[in-house]
N, C-alpha and C. Protein backbone atom coordinates (compact mmCIF):
# COMPACT_ATOMS: atom_id res chain seq x y z
N MET A 1 78.89 38.48 94.13
CA MET A 1 79.94 39.08 93.35
C MET A 1 80.08 40.56 93.69
N PHE A 2 78.97 41.27 93.72
CA PHE A 2 78.99 42.71 94.02
C PHE A 2 79.40 42.96 95.46
N ILE A 3 78.87 42.15 96.37
CA ILE A 3 79.20 42.33 97.79
C ILE A 3 80.66 41.97 98.05
N GLU A 4 81.16 40.94 97.39
CA GLU A 4 82.56 40.56 97.57
C GLU A 4 83.48 41.67 97.07
N PHE A 5 83.11 42.30 95.95
CA PHE A 5 83.90 43.41 95.42
C PHE A 5 83.93 44.57 96.41
N LEU A 6 82.78 44.91 96.96
CA LEU A 6 82.71 46.00 97.94
C LEU A 6 83.53 45.68 99.19
N PHE A 7 83.52 44.41 99.60
CA PHE A 7 84.30 44.01 100.76
C PHE A 7 85.79 44.17 100.50
N LEU A 8 86.26 43.75 99.33
CA LEU A 8 87.68 43.86 99.01
C LEU A 8 88.12 45.32 98.89
N VAL A 9 87.28 46.16 98.30
CA VAL A 9 87.61 47.58 98.20
C VAL A 9 87.68 48.19 99.59
N SER A 10 86.71 47.86 100.45
CA SER A 10 86.70 48.39 101.81
C SER A 10 87.92 47.94 102.60
N LEU A 11 88.33 46.71 102.40
CA LEU A 11 89.50 46.18 103.09
C LEU A 11 90.77 46.90 102.65
N GLY A 12 90.91 47.14 101.36
CA GLY A 12 92.07 47.87 100.85
C GLY A 12 92.12 49.30 101.34
N VAL A 13 90.96 49.95 101.35
CA VAL A 13 90.90 51.33 101.83
C VAL A 13 91.22 51.39 103.32
N ALA A 14 90.73 50.45 104.09
CA ALA A 14 91.00 50.43 105.53
C ALA A 14 92.50 50.25 105.80
N LEU A 15 93.15 49.40 105.02
CA LEU A 15 94.59 49.20 105.19
C LEU A 15 95.36 50.48 104.86
N ALA A 16 95.00 51.13 103.76
CA ALA A 16 95.65 52.39 103.39
C ALA A 16 95.39 53.45 104.45
N ASP A 17 94.17 53.46 104.98
CA ASP A 17 93.83 54.43 106.04
C ASP A 17 94.70 54.24 107.27
N MET A 18 94.89 53.01 107.69
CA MET A 18 95.70 52.77 108.88
C MET A 18 97.13 53.26 108.69
N ILE A 19 97.68 53.01 107.53
CA ILE A 19 99.06 53.44 107.26
C ILE A 19 99.16 54.96 107.28
N ILE A 20 98.21 55.63 106.64
CA ILE A 20 98.24 57.09 106.58
C ILE A 20 97.98 57.70 107.96
N LEU A 21 97.02 57.15 108.70
CA LEU A 21 96.72 57.70 110.03
C LEU A 21 97.89 57.56 110.99
N ILE A 22 98.64 56.48 110.89
CA ILE A 22 99.81 56.31 111.75
C ILE A 22 100.86 57.38 111.41
N GLN A 23 101.02 57.67 110.11
CA GLN A 23 102.01 58.67 109.71
C GLN A 23 101.60 60.08 110.14
N ILE A 24 100.32 60.42 110.00
CA ILE A 24 99.86 61.78 110.31
C ILE A 24 99.72 62.01 111.81
N SER A 25 99.32 60.99 112.54
CA SER A 25 98.98 61.19 113.95
C SER A 25 100.18 61.43 114.86
N SER A 26 101.36 61.27 114.37
CA SER A 26 102.51 61.58 115.22
C SER A 26 102.73 63.08 115.22
N GLY A 27 102.49 63.71 116.36
CA GLY A 27 102.64 65.15 116.48
C GLY A 27 101.30 65.87 116.53
N PRO A 28 101.30 67.14 116.10
CA PRO A 28 100.07 67.94 116.22
C PRO A 28 98.98 67.54 115.23
N GLY A 29 99.25 66.68 114.29
CA GLY A 29 98.25 66.23 113.32
C GLY A 29 97.14 65.41 113.94
N ILE A 30 97.31 65.00 115.18
CA ILE A 30 96.31 64.17 115.84
C ILE A 30 95.00 64.94 116.04
N TYR A 31 95.09 66.25 116.28
CA TYR A 31 93.87 67.05 116.46
C TYR A 31 93.09 67.17 115.16
N PHE A 32 93.80 67.31 114.06
CA PHE A 32 93.14 67.33 112.75
C PHE A 32 92.44 66.01 112.48
N ILE A 33 93.10 64.92 112.78
CA ILE A 33 92.53 63.60 112.54
C ILE A 33 91.27 63.40 113.38
N ILE A 34 91.34 63.72 114.65
CA ILE A 34 90.18 63.53 115.54
C ILE A 34 89.01 64.39 115.08
N GLY A 35 89.26 65.64 114.77
CA GLY A 35 88.20 66.54 114.32
C GLY A 35 87.56 66.10 113.02
N SER A 36 88.39 65.74 112.05
CA SER A 36 87.84 65.33 110.75
C SER A 36 87.07 64.02 110.87
N GLN A 37 87.53 63.11 111.71
CA GLN A 37 86.82 61.84 111.87
C GLN A 37 85.47 62.04 112.53
N LEU A 38 85.41 62.92 113.53
CA LEU A 38 84.13 63.19 114.19
C LEU A 38 83.14 63.85 113.23
N LEU A 39 83.61 64.78 112.42
CA LEU A 39 82.72 65.47 111.47
C LEU A 39 82.20 64.53 110.39
N THR A 40 83.08 63.79 109.76
CA THR A 40 82.63 62.93 108.66
C THR A 40 81.79 61.76 109.16
N CYS A 41 82.13 61.22 110.29
CA CYS A 41 81.34 60.12 110.84
C CYS A 41 79.95 60.62 111.24
N GLY A 42 79.89 61.80 111.84
CA GLY A 42 78.59 62.38 112.20
C GLY A 42 77.73 62.63 110.98
N TYR A 43 78.33 63.16 109.92
CA TYR A 43 77.58 63.41 108.68
C TYR A 43 77.12 62.09 108.06
N GLY A 44 78.00 61.09 108.08
CA GLY A 44 77.63 59.78 107.53
C GLY A 44 76.49 59.14 108.29
N ILE A 45 76.52 59.23 109.60
CA ILE A 45 75.43 58.66 110.41
C ILE A 45 74.13 59.42 110.15
N PHE A 46 74.22 60.74 109.99
CA PHE A 46 73.04 61.53 109.68
C PHE A 46 72.42 61.10 108.35
N ARG A 47 73.27 60.84 107.33
CA ARG A 47 72.76 60.46 106.01
C ARG A 47 72.29 59.01 105.96
N ILE A 48 72.92 58.12 106.72
CA ILE A 48 72.61 56.69 106.61
C ILE A 48 71.29 56.33 107.27
N ARG A 49 70.77 57.20 108.12
CA ARG A 49 69.50 56.90 108.77
C ARG A 49 68.37 56.73 107.77
N LYS A 50 68.48 57.37 106.61
CA LYS A 50 67.42 57.33 105.62
C LYS A 50 67.62 56.24 104.58
N LEU A 51 68.70 55.49 104.66
CA LEU A 51 69.03 54.49 103.64
C LEU A 51 68.79 53.08 104.15
N ASP A 52 68.70 52.13 103.22
CA ASP A 52 68.39 50.74 103.56
C ASP A 52 69.55 49.84 103.14
N PHE A 53 70.13 49.11 104.10
CA PHE A 53 71.26 48.22 103.80
C PHE A 53 70.86 47.02 102.96
N ASN A 54 69.60 46.64 102.97
CA ASN A 54 69.16 45.49 102.17
C ASN A 54 69.31 45.74 100.68
N LEU A 55 69.56 46.97 100.31
CA LEU A 55 69.76 47.30 98.91
C LEU A 55 70.95 46.55 98.32
N PHE A 56 72.02 46.38 99.09
CA PHE A 56 73.18 45.63 98.61
C PHE A 56 72.81 44.19 98.29
N PHE A 57 72.02 43.55 99.15
CA PHE A 57 71.62 42.17 98.91
C PHE A 57 70.67 42.06 97.72
N PHE A 58 69.80 43.05 97.56
CA PHE A 58 68.90 43.09 96.41
C PHE A 58 69.70 43.22 95.12
N LEU A 59 70.68 44.12 95.09
CA LEU A 59 71.52 44.28 93.91
C LEU A 59 72.28 43.01 93.58
N ASP A 60 72.82 42.37 94.59
CA ASP A 60 73.56 41.13 94.37
C ASP A 60 72.66 40.05 93.78
N ALA A 61 71.45 39.91 94.30
CA ALA A 61 70.52 38.90 93.79
C ALA A 61 70.10 39.21 92.36
N GLU A 62 69.82 40.47 92.08
CA GLU A 62 69.39 40.85 90.73
C GLU A 62 70.52 40.66 89.73
N LEU A 63 71.75 40.96 90.12
CA LEU A 63 72.88 40.76 89.21
C LEU A 63 73.12 39.29 88.94
N LYS A 64 72.93 38.44 89.94
CA LYS A 64 73.09 37.00 89.74
C LYS A 64 72.02 36.44 88.81
N LYS A 65 70.80 37.02 88.88
CA LYS A 65 69.72 36.57 87.99
C LYS A 65 69.89 37.12 86.58
N GLY A 66 70.68 38.16 86.44
CA GLY A 66 70.89 38.76 85.13
C GLY A 66 69.83 39.79 84.78
N GLU A 67 69.11 40.27 85.76
CA GLU A 67 68.05 41.25 85.53
C GLU A 67 68.66 42.65 85.33
N LYS A 68 67.96 43.46 84.54
CA LYS A 68 68.36 44.86 84.36
C LYS A 68 67.91 45.65 85.59
N ILE A 69 68.79 46.50 86.09
CA ILE A 69 68.52 47.25 87.32
C ILE A 69 68.24 48.71 86.97
N VAL A 70 67.21 49.26 87.58
CA VAL A 70 66.80 50.63 87.32
C VAL A 70 67.86 51.61 87.82
N LYS A 71 68.00 52.75 87.12
CA LYS A 71 69.06 53.69 87.48
C LYS A 71 68.88 54.30 88.86
N GLU A 72 67.65 54.44 89.34
CA GLU A 72 67.44 54.99 90.67
C GLU A 72 68.02 54.09 91.75
N ILE A 73 67.95 52.78 91.52
CA ILE A 73 68.52 51.83 92.49
C ILE A 73 70.05 51.93 92.48
N TRP A 74 70.64 52.11 91.29
CA TRP A 74 72.09 52.27 91.22
C TRP A 74 72.53 53.54 91.95
N ILE A 75 71.77 54.61 91.77
CA ILE A 75 72.11 55.86 92.45
C ILE A 75 72.02 55.69 93.96
N GLU A 76 70.96 55.03 94.42
CA GLU A 76 70.80 54.80 95.86
C GLU A 76 71.94 53.93 96.41
N ALA A 77 72.34 52.92 95.64
CA ALA A 77 73.45 52.06 96.07
C ALA A 77 74.76 52.83 96.11
N TRP A 78 74.95 53.72 95.15
CA TRP A 78 76.16 54.54 95.12
C TRP A 78 76.22 55.45 96.34
N ILE A 79 75.08 56.08 96.67
CA ILE A 79 75.04 56.97 97.84
C ILE A 79 75.27 56.17 99.12
N LEU A 80 74.66 54.99 99.22
CA LEU A 80 74.86 54.15 100.40
C LEU A 80 76.32 53.75 100.56
N THR A 81 76.97 53.41 99.46
CA THR A 81 78.38 53.05 99.51
C THR A 81 79.23 54.25 99.94
N ALA A 82 78.93 55.42 99.40
CA ALA A 82 79.69 56.63 99.76
C ALA A 82 79.52 56.96 101.23
N VAL A 83 78.30 56.82 101.74
CA VAL A 83 78.04 57.12 103.16
C VAL A 83 78.75 56.10 104.05
N CYS A 84 78.79 54.85 103.63
CA CYS A 84 79.53 53.84 104.41
C CYS A 84 81.01 54.19 104.47
N PHE A 85 81.56 54.70 103.37
CA PHE A 85 82.96 55.13 103.39
C PHE A 85 83.17 56.31 104.33
N LEU A 86 82.17 57.18 104.47
CA LEU A 86 82.30 58.30 105.41
C LEU A 86 82.31 57.82 106.85
N ILE A 87 81.57 56.76 107.14
CA ILE A 87 81.49 56.27 108.52
C ILE A 87 82.74 55.49 108.92
N ILE A 88 83.36 54.81 107.95
CA ILE A 88 84.58 54.06 108.24
C ILE A 88 85.66 55.05 108.67
N PRO A 89 86.31 54.81 109.81
CA PRO A 89 87.35 55.75 110.24
C PRO A 89 88.55 55.73 109.32
N GLY A 90 89.02 56.90 108.95
CA GLY A 90 90.21 57.00 108.12
C GLY A 90 90.12 58.17 107.16
N LEU A 91 91.26 58.69 106.79
CA LEU A 91 91.32 59.85 105.92
C LEU A 91 91.02 59.48 104.47
N VAL A 92 91.56 58.38 103.98
CA VAL A 92 91.34 57.97 102.61
C VAL A 92 89.87 57.62 102.38
N SER A 93 89.27 56.91 103.31
CA SER A 93 87.87 56.54 103.16
C SER A 93 86.97 57.78 103.18
N ASP A 94 87.33 58.80 103.97
CA ASP A 94 86.55 60.04 103.99
C ASP A 94 86.66 60.77 102.65
N ILE A 95 87.82 60.79 102.09
CA ILE A 95 88.01 61.44 100.79
C ILE A 95 87.22 60.69 99.72
N ILE A 96 87.29 59.38 99.72
CA ILE A 96 86.53 58.59 98.74
C ILE A 96 85.04 58.81 98.91
N GLY A 97 84.56 58.78 100.15
CA GLY A 97 83.14 59.00 100.42
C GLY A 97 82.68 60.37 99.99
N GLY A 98 83.48 61.39 100.26
CA GLY A 98 83.12 62.75 99.86
C GLY A 98 83.10 62.94 98.36
N VAL A 99 84.08 62.37 97.69
CA VAL A 99 84.12 62.47 96.22
C VAL A 99 82.94 61.72 95.60
N CYS A 100 82.60 60.57 96.15
CA CYS A 100 81.49 59.78 95.60
C CYS A 100 80.14 60.46 95.79
N LEU A 101 80.02 61.36 96.73
CA LEU A 101 78.75 62.06 96.94
C LEU A 101 78.54 63.24 95.99
N THR A 102 79.57 63.64 95.27
CA THR A 102 79.41 64.76 94.33
C THR A 102 78.56 64.32 93.14
N PRO A 103 77.67 65.19 92.67
CA PRO A 103 76.77 64.82 91.57
C PRO A 103 77.49 64.46 90.26
N ALA A 104 78.60 65.11 89.96
CA ALA A 104 79.32 64.81 88.71
C ALA A 104 79.86 63.38 88.72
N ILE A 105 80.42 62.97 89.83
CA ILE A 105 80.95 61.60 89.94
C ILE A 105 79.80 60.60 89.89
N ARG A 106 78.68 60.93 90.52
CA ARG A 106 77.50 60.07 90.48
C ARG A 106 77.01 59.86 89.06
N ARG A 107 76.95 60.94 88.26
CA ARG A 107 76.53 60.82 86.86
C ARG A 107 77.50 59.96 86.06
N PHE A 108 78.81 60.17 86.29
CA PHE A 108 79.81 59.36 85.59
C PHE A 108 79.65 57.89 85.93
N PHE A 109 79.45 57.59 87.21
CA PHE A 109 79.24 56.20 87.64
C PHE A 109 78.01 55.61 86.99
N LEU A 110 76.93 56.38 86.94
CA LEU A 110 75.69 55.90 86.35
C LEU A 110 75.84 55.60 84.87
N GLU A 111 76.57 56.45 84.15
CA GLU A 111 76.83 56.19 82.73
C GLU A 111 77.69 54.94 82.55
N TYR A 112 78.68 54.78 83.40
CA TYR A 112 79.58 53.61 83.32
C TYR A 112 78.81 52.32 83.61
N VAL A 113 77.97 52.34 84.63
CA VAL A 113 77.22 51.14 85.01
C VAL A 113 76.16 50.82 83.96
N SER A 114 75.54 51.84 83.37
CA SER A 114 74.50 51.58 82.39
C SER A 114 75.09 50.95 81.13
N GLU A 115 76.37 51.21 80.84
CA GLU A 115 77.01 50.55 79.71
C GLU A 115 77.28 49.08 80.00
N ILE A 116 77.63 48.76 81.23
CA ILE A 116 77.99 47.39 81.59
C ILE A 116 76.75 46.54 81.85
N TYR A 117 75.81 47.04 82.64
CA TYR A 117 74.64 46.27 83.02
C TYR A 117 73.44 46.79 82.29
């Protein structure tokens, strides 16, 4: 359930990214796009080296069992998701990834998730 949700969100963001990149890349905006993509992808790769992708599968299994998940795991999953958005090429995904890495948004997410799960 959790992995399917992440897949659908990623698919929607990728579609929006393609539409926006086609609009911006006509003309001199292509240099901005190339530069921003190289910077955010490089930062995402730098951050993802320390993270574990199996965390998504662990979260999915624990949610299916109905177990309570510790807040540190939710924070780690949030950071992993944000870094994945930074690596995905596109302007919208970079903005989402950057916003998700801010501590205020992380705290808001943690409060929201702790109410639900």
